[in-house]
């Protein structure tokens, strides 16, 4: 799929997620949204502290099974998600909940001053913990109106 089409698709999916999510907000408590932010923050902190096993522990079982080792996971992160691996700064943006899955926007500024928009998806596990099921990232083009 061409990059432009992919970008429009991801943006449309995020807008849909934002609008549909409010109907299902009762599936996840407000405290869970705070827990989701804690998971993301702790993973970024683990990257900074080179505690890669801790960073990998925040990945959902499907992600862990795909990469199998911390080393493979970190190679993927370094290669495709450098602004999240070593951000100069980041902050949380909008979030929404769809069918028990949280979509959390993170705006990160890399070491060169370029901004990136990442949308993390997290799902609560049977043990009650929240795990990262995916991250979509692209250059940040500003807030939509």
C-alpha atoms as a PDB file:
ATOM      1  CA  UNK A   1       0.000   0.000   0.000  1.00  0.00           C
ATOM      2  CA  UNK A   2       1.498   3.402  -0.932  1.00  0.00           C
ATOM      3  CA  UNK A   3       2.661   5.508   2.025  1.00  0.00           C
ATOM      4  CA  UNK A   4       0.058   8.241   1.438  1.00  0.00           C
ATOM      5  CA  UNK A   5      -2.802   5.765   1.335  1.00  0.00           C
ATOM      6  CA  UNK A   6      -1.455   4.072   4.458  1.00  0.00           C
ATOM      7  CA  UNK A   7      -1.192   7.432   6.255  1.00  0.00           C
ATOM      8  CA  UNK A   8      -4.804   8.327   5.377  1.00  0.00           C
ATOM      9  CA  UNK A   9      -5.937   4.856   6.472  1.00  0.00           C
ATOM     10  CA  UNK A  10      -4.183   5.146   9.853  1.00  0.00           C
ATOM     11  CA  UNK A  11      -5.579   8.659  10.384  1.00  0.00           C
ATOM     12  CA  UNK A  12      -9.099   7.500   9.505  1.00  0.00           C
ATOM     13  CA  UNK A  13      -8.780   4.523  11.837  1.00  0.00           C
ATOM     14  CA  UNK A  14      -7.656   6.782  14.678  1.00  0.00           C
ATOM     15  CA  UNK A  15     -10.560   9.205  14.093  1.00  0.00           C
ATOM     16  CA  UNK A  16     -12.970   6.267  14.024  1.00  0.00           C
ATOM     17  CA  UNK A  17     -11.435   4.914  17.208  1.00  0.00           C
ATOM     18  CA  UNK A  18     -11.788   8.297  18.876  1.00  0.00           C
ATOM     19  CA  UNK A  19     -15.460   8.656  17.917  1.00  0.00           C
ATOM     20  CA  UNK A  20     -16.574   5.068  18.565  1.00  0.00           C
ATOM     21  CA  UNK A  21     -14.618   4.644  21.777  1.00  0.00           C
ATOM     22  CA  UNK A  22     -16.798   6.829  23.911  1.00  0.00           C
ATOM     23  CA  UNK A  23     -19.688   4.406  23.531  1.00  0.00           C
ATOM     24  CA  UNK A  24     -17.574   1.643  25.057  1.00  0.00           C
ATOM     25  CA  UNK A  25     -15.813   3.713  27.700  1.00  0.00           C
ATOM     26  CA  UNK A  26     -17.556   1.834  30.488  1.00  0.00           C
ATOM     27  CA  UNK A  27     -15.498  -1.252  29.568  1.00  0.00           C
ATOM     28  CA  UNK A  28     -12.367   0.289  31.097  1.00  0.00           C
ATOM     29  CA  UNK A  29     -12.173   2.395  34.268  1.00  0.00           C
ATOM     30  CA  UNK A  30     -10.466   5.781  34.425  1.00  0.00           C
ATOM     31  CA  UNK A  31      -7.797   4.246  36.661  1.00  0.00           C
ATOM     32  CA  UNK A  32      -7.000   1.810  33.884  1.00  0.00           C
ATOM     33  CA  UNK A  33      -6.208   4.679  31.507  1.00  0.00           C
ATOM     34  CA  UNK A  34      -3.728   5.949  34.115  1.00  0.00           C
ATOM     35  CA  UNK A  35      -2.263   2.430  34.347  1.00  0.00           C
ATOM     36  CA  UNK A  36      -1.870   2.370  30.551  1.00  0.00           C
ATOM     37  CA  UNK A  37       0.105   5.622  30.669  1.00  0.00           C
ATOM     38  CA  UNK A  38       2.260   4.136  33.433  1.00  0.00           C
ATOM     39  CA  UNK A  39       3.053   1.109  31.235  1.00  0.00           C
ATOM     40  CA  UNK A  40       4.083   3.315  28.307  1.00  0.00           C
ATOM     41  CA  UNK A  41       6.151   5.603  30.540  1.00  0.00           C
ATOM     42  CA  UNK A  42       7.864   2.651  32.181  1.00  0.00           C
ATOM     43  CA  UNK A  43       8.742   1.119  28.824  1.00  0.00           C
ATOM     44  CA  UNK A  44      10.287   4.386  27.627  1.00  0.00           C
ATOM     45  CA  UNK A  45      12.167   4.669  30.941  1.00  0.00           C
ATOM     46  CA  UNK A  46      13.401   1.103  30.542  1.00  0.00           C
ATOM     47  CA  UNK A  47      14.730   1.949  27.057  1.00  0.00           C
ATOM     48  CA  UNK A  48      16.582   4.956  28.493  1.00  0.00           C
ATOM     49  CA  UNK A  49      18.011   2.878  31.349  1.00  0.00           C
ATOM     50  CA  UNK A  50      19.000   0.066  28.947  1.00  0.00           C
ATOM     51  CA  UNK A  51      16.822  -2.326  30.937  1.00  0.00           C
ATOM     52  CA  UNK A  52      15.669  -4.077  27.796  1.00  0.00           C
ATOM     53  CA  UNK A  53      14.171  -7.083  29.560  1.00  0.00           C
ATOM     54  CA  UNK A  54      11.883  -4.711  31.470  1.00  0.00           C
ATOM     55  CA  UNK A  55      10.966  -2.917  28.235  1.00  0.00           C
ATOM     56  CA  UNK A  56      10.173  -6.244  26.549  1.00  0.00           C
ATOM     57  CA  UNK A  57       8.049  -7.312  29.537  1.00  0.00           C
ATOM     58  CA  UNK A  58       5.484  -4.635  28.601  1.00  0.00           C
ATOM     59  CA  UNK A  59       4.827  -6.280  25.234  1.00  0.00           C
ATOM     60  CA  UNK A  60       1.699  -8.404  24.878  1.00  0.00           C
ATOM     61  CA  UNK A  61       2.150 -12.164  24.538  1.00  0.00           C
ATOM     62  CA  UNK A  62       1.522 -12.026  20.772  1.00  0.00           C
ATOM     63  CA  UNK A  63       4.369  -9.510  20.380  1.00  0.00           C
ATOM     64  CA  UNK A  64       6.646 -11.496  22.686  1.00  0.00           C
ATOM     65  CA  UNK A  65       5.930 -14.673  20.713  1.00  0.00           C
ATOM     66  CA  UNK A  66       6.637 -12.893  17.421  1.00  0.00           C
ATOM     67  CA  UNK A  67      10.085 -11.694  18.504  1.00  0.00           C
ATOM     68  CA  UNK A  68      10.891 -14.469  21.027  1.00  0.00           C
ATOM     69  CA  UNK A  69      13.960 -12.715  22.442  1.00  0.00           C
ATOM     70  CA  UNK A  70      14.719  -9.349  23.962  1.00  0.00           C
ATOM     71  CA  UNK A  71      17.499  -8.859  21.425  1.00  0.00           C
ATOM     72  CA  UNK A  72      15.173  -9.288  18.434  1.00  0.00           C
ATOM     73  CA  UNK A  73      12.591  -7.014  20.016  1.00  0.00           C
ATOM     74  CA  UNK A  74      15.186  -4.310  20.649  1.00  0.00           C
ATOM     75  CA  UNK A  75      16.519  -4.553  17.091  1.00  0.00           C
ATOM     76  CA  UNK A  76      12.982  -3.838  15.858  1.00  0.00           C
ATOM     77  CA  UNK A  77      12.551  -0.934  18.298  1.00  0.00           C
ATOM     78  CA  UNK A  78      15.893   0.659  17.402  1.00  0.00           C
ATOM     79  CA  UNK A  79      15.249   0.225  13.692  1.00  0.00           C
ATOM     80  CA  UNK A  80      11.668   1.431  13.494  1.00  0.00           C
ATOM     81  CA  UNK A  81      10.853   3.373  16.649  1.00  0.00           C
ATOM     82  CA  UNK A  82      13.961   5.409  17.494  1.00  0.00           C
ATOM     83  CA  UNK A  83      11.921   8.485  18.549  1.00  0.00           C
ATOM     84  CA  UNK A  84      10.282   6.322  21.240  1.00  0.00           C
ATOM     85  CA  UNK A  85      13.475   4.472  22.100  1.00  0.00           C
ATOM     86  CA  UNK A  86      15.381   7.667  22.863  1.00  0.00           C
ATOM     87  CA  UNK A  87      13.048  10.677  22.904  1.00  0.00           C
ATOM     88  CA  UNK A  88      14.245  14.104  23.924  1.00  0.00           C
ATOM     89  CA  UNK A  89      10.742  14.695  25.243  1.00  0.00           C
ATOM     90  CA  UNK A  90       7.317  13.082  25.050  1.00  0.00           C
ATOM     91  CA  UNK A  91       3.825  13.754  26.295  1.00  0.00           C
ATOM     92  CA  UNK A  92       0.499  12.017  26.224  1.00  0.00           C
ATOM     93  CA  UNK A  93      -2.249  13.164  23.908  1.00  0.00           C
ATOM     94  CA  UNK A  94      -5.742  11.870  23.350  1.00  0.00           C
ATOM     95  CA  UNK A  95      -6.924   8.411  24.232  1.00  0.00           C
ATOM     96  CA  UNK A  96      -9.969   6.330  23.587  1.00  0.00           C
ATOM     97  CA  UNK A  97     -11.274   2.906  24.437  1.00  0.00           C
ATOM     98  CA  UNK A  98     -12.821   0.448  22.000  1.00  0.00           C
ATOM     99  CA  UNK A  99     -14.025  -2.964  23.157  1.00  0.00           C
ATOM    100  CA  UNK A 100     -11.708  -2.934  26.143  1.00  0.00           C
ATOM    101  CA  UNK A 101      -8.620  -1.926  24.158  1.00  0.00           C
ATOM    102  CA  UNK A 102      -7.036   1.453  24.906  1.00  0.00           C
ATOM    103  CA  UNK A 103      -5.642   3.633  22.102  1.00  0.00           C
ATOM    104  CA  UNK A 104      -3.201   6.146  23.577  1.00  0.00           C
ATOM    105  CA  UNK A 105      -1.596   8.938  21.572  1.00  0.00           C
ATOM    106  CA  UNK A 106       1.977   9.905  22.444  1.00  0.00           C
ATOM    107  CA  UNK A 107       3.711  12.913  20.878  1.00  0.00           C
ATOM    108  CA  UNK A 108       7.484  12.457  21.000  1.00  0.00           C
ATOM    109  CA  UNK A 109      10.256  14.858  20.060  1.00  0.00           C
ATOM    110  CA  UNK A 110      13.412  13.135  18.865  1.00  0.00           C
ATOM    111  CA  UNK A 111      16.981  14.306  19.562  1.00  0.00           C
ATOM    112  CA  UNK A 112      16.930  16.329  16.310  1.00  0.00           C
ATOM    113  CA  UNK A 113      13.821  18.277  17.347  1.00  0.00           C
ATOM    114  CA  UNK A 114      11.434  16.476  14.982  1.00  0.00           C
ATOM    115  CA  UNK A 115       8.027  15.548  16.387  1.00  0.00           C
ATOM    116  CA  UNK A 116       6.370  12.171  15.970  1.00  0.00           C
ATOM    117  CA  UNK A 117       2.876  10.897  16.675  1.00  0.00           C
ATOM    118  CA  UNK A 118       2.610   7.381  18.056  1.00  0.00           C
ATOM    119  CA  UNK A 119      -0.634   5.601  18.793  1.00  0.00           C
ATOM    120  CA  UNK A 120      -0.141   2.768  21.248  1.00  0.00           C
ATOM    121  CA  UNK A 121      -2.740   0.050  21.651  1.00  0.00           C
ATOM    122  CA  UNK A 122      -2.909  -1.838  24.918  1.00  0.00           C
ATOM    123  CA  UNK A 123      -5.106  -4.651  26.138  1.00  0.00           C
ATOM    124  CA  UNK A 124      -5.717  -5.825  29.670  1.00  0.00           C
ATOM    125  CA  UNK A 125      -4.450  -9.344  30.321  1.00  0.00           C
ATOM    126  CA  UNK A 126      -6.123 -12.048  32.400  1.00  0.00           C
ATOM    127  CA  UNK A 127      -3.856 -11.199  35.335  1.00  0.00           C
ATOM    128  CA  UNK A 128      -5.109  -7.588  35.260  1.00  0.00           C
ATOM    129  CA  UNK A 129      -1.921  -6.099  33.799  1.00  0.00           C
ATOM    130  CA  UNK A 130      -1.926  -3.947  30.668  1.00  0.00           C
ATOM    131  CA  UNK A 131       0.323  -4.970  27.780  1.00  0.00           C
ATOM    132  CA  UNK A 132       1.241  -3.151  24.576  1.00  0.00           C
ATOM    133  CA  UNK A 133      -0.315  -4.851  21.552  1.00  0.00           C
ATOM    134  CA  UNK A 134       0.993  -2.439  18.928  1.00  0.00           C
ATOM    135  CA  UNK A 135       2.351   0.997  18.079  1.00  0.00           C
ATOM    136  CA  UNK A 136       1.743   3.001  14.917  1.00  0.00           C
ATOM    137  CA  UNK A 137       4.094   5.934  14.446  1.00  0.00           C
ATOM    138  CA  UNK A 138       4.489   8.662  11.844  1.00  0.00           C
ATOM    139  CA  UNK A 139       5.766  12.228  11.650  1.00  0.00           C
ATOM    140  CA  UNK A 140       3.539  14.580  13.623  1.00  0.00           C
ATOM    141  CA  UNK A 141       1.655  17.067  11.508  1.00  0.00           C
ATOM    142  CA  UNK A 142      -0.082  18.930  14.314  1.00  0.00           C
ATOM    143  CA  UNK A 143      -3.448  18.654  15.965  1.00  0.00           C
ATOM    144  CA  UNK A 144      -6.417  17.997  13.721  1.00  0.00           C
ATOM    145  CA  UNK A 145      -9.310  20.427  13.721  1.00  0.00           C
END
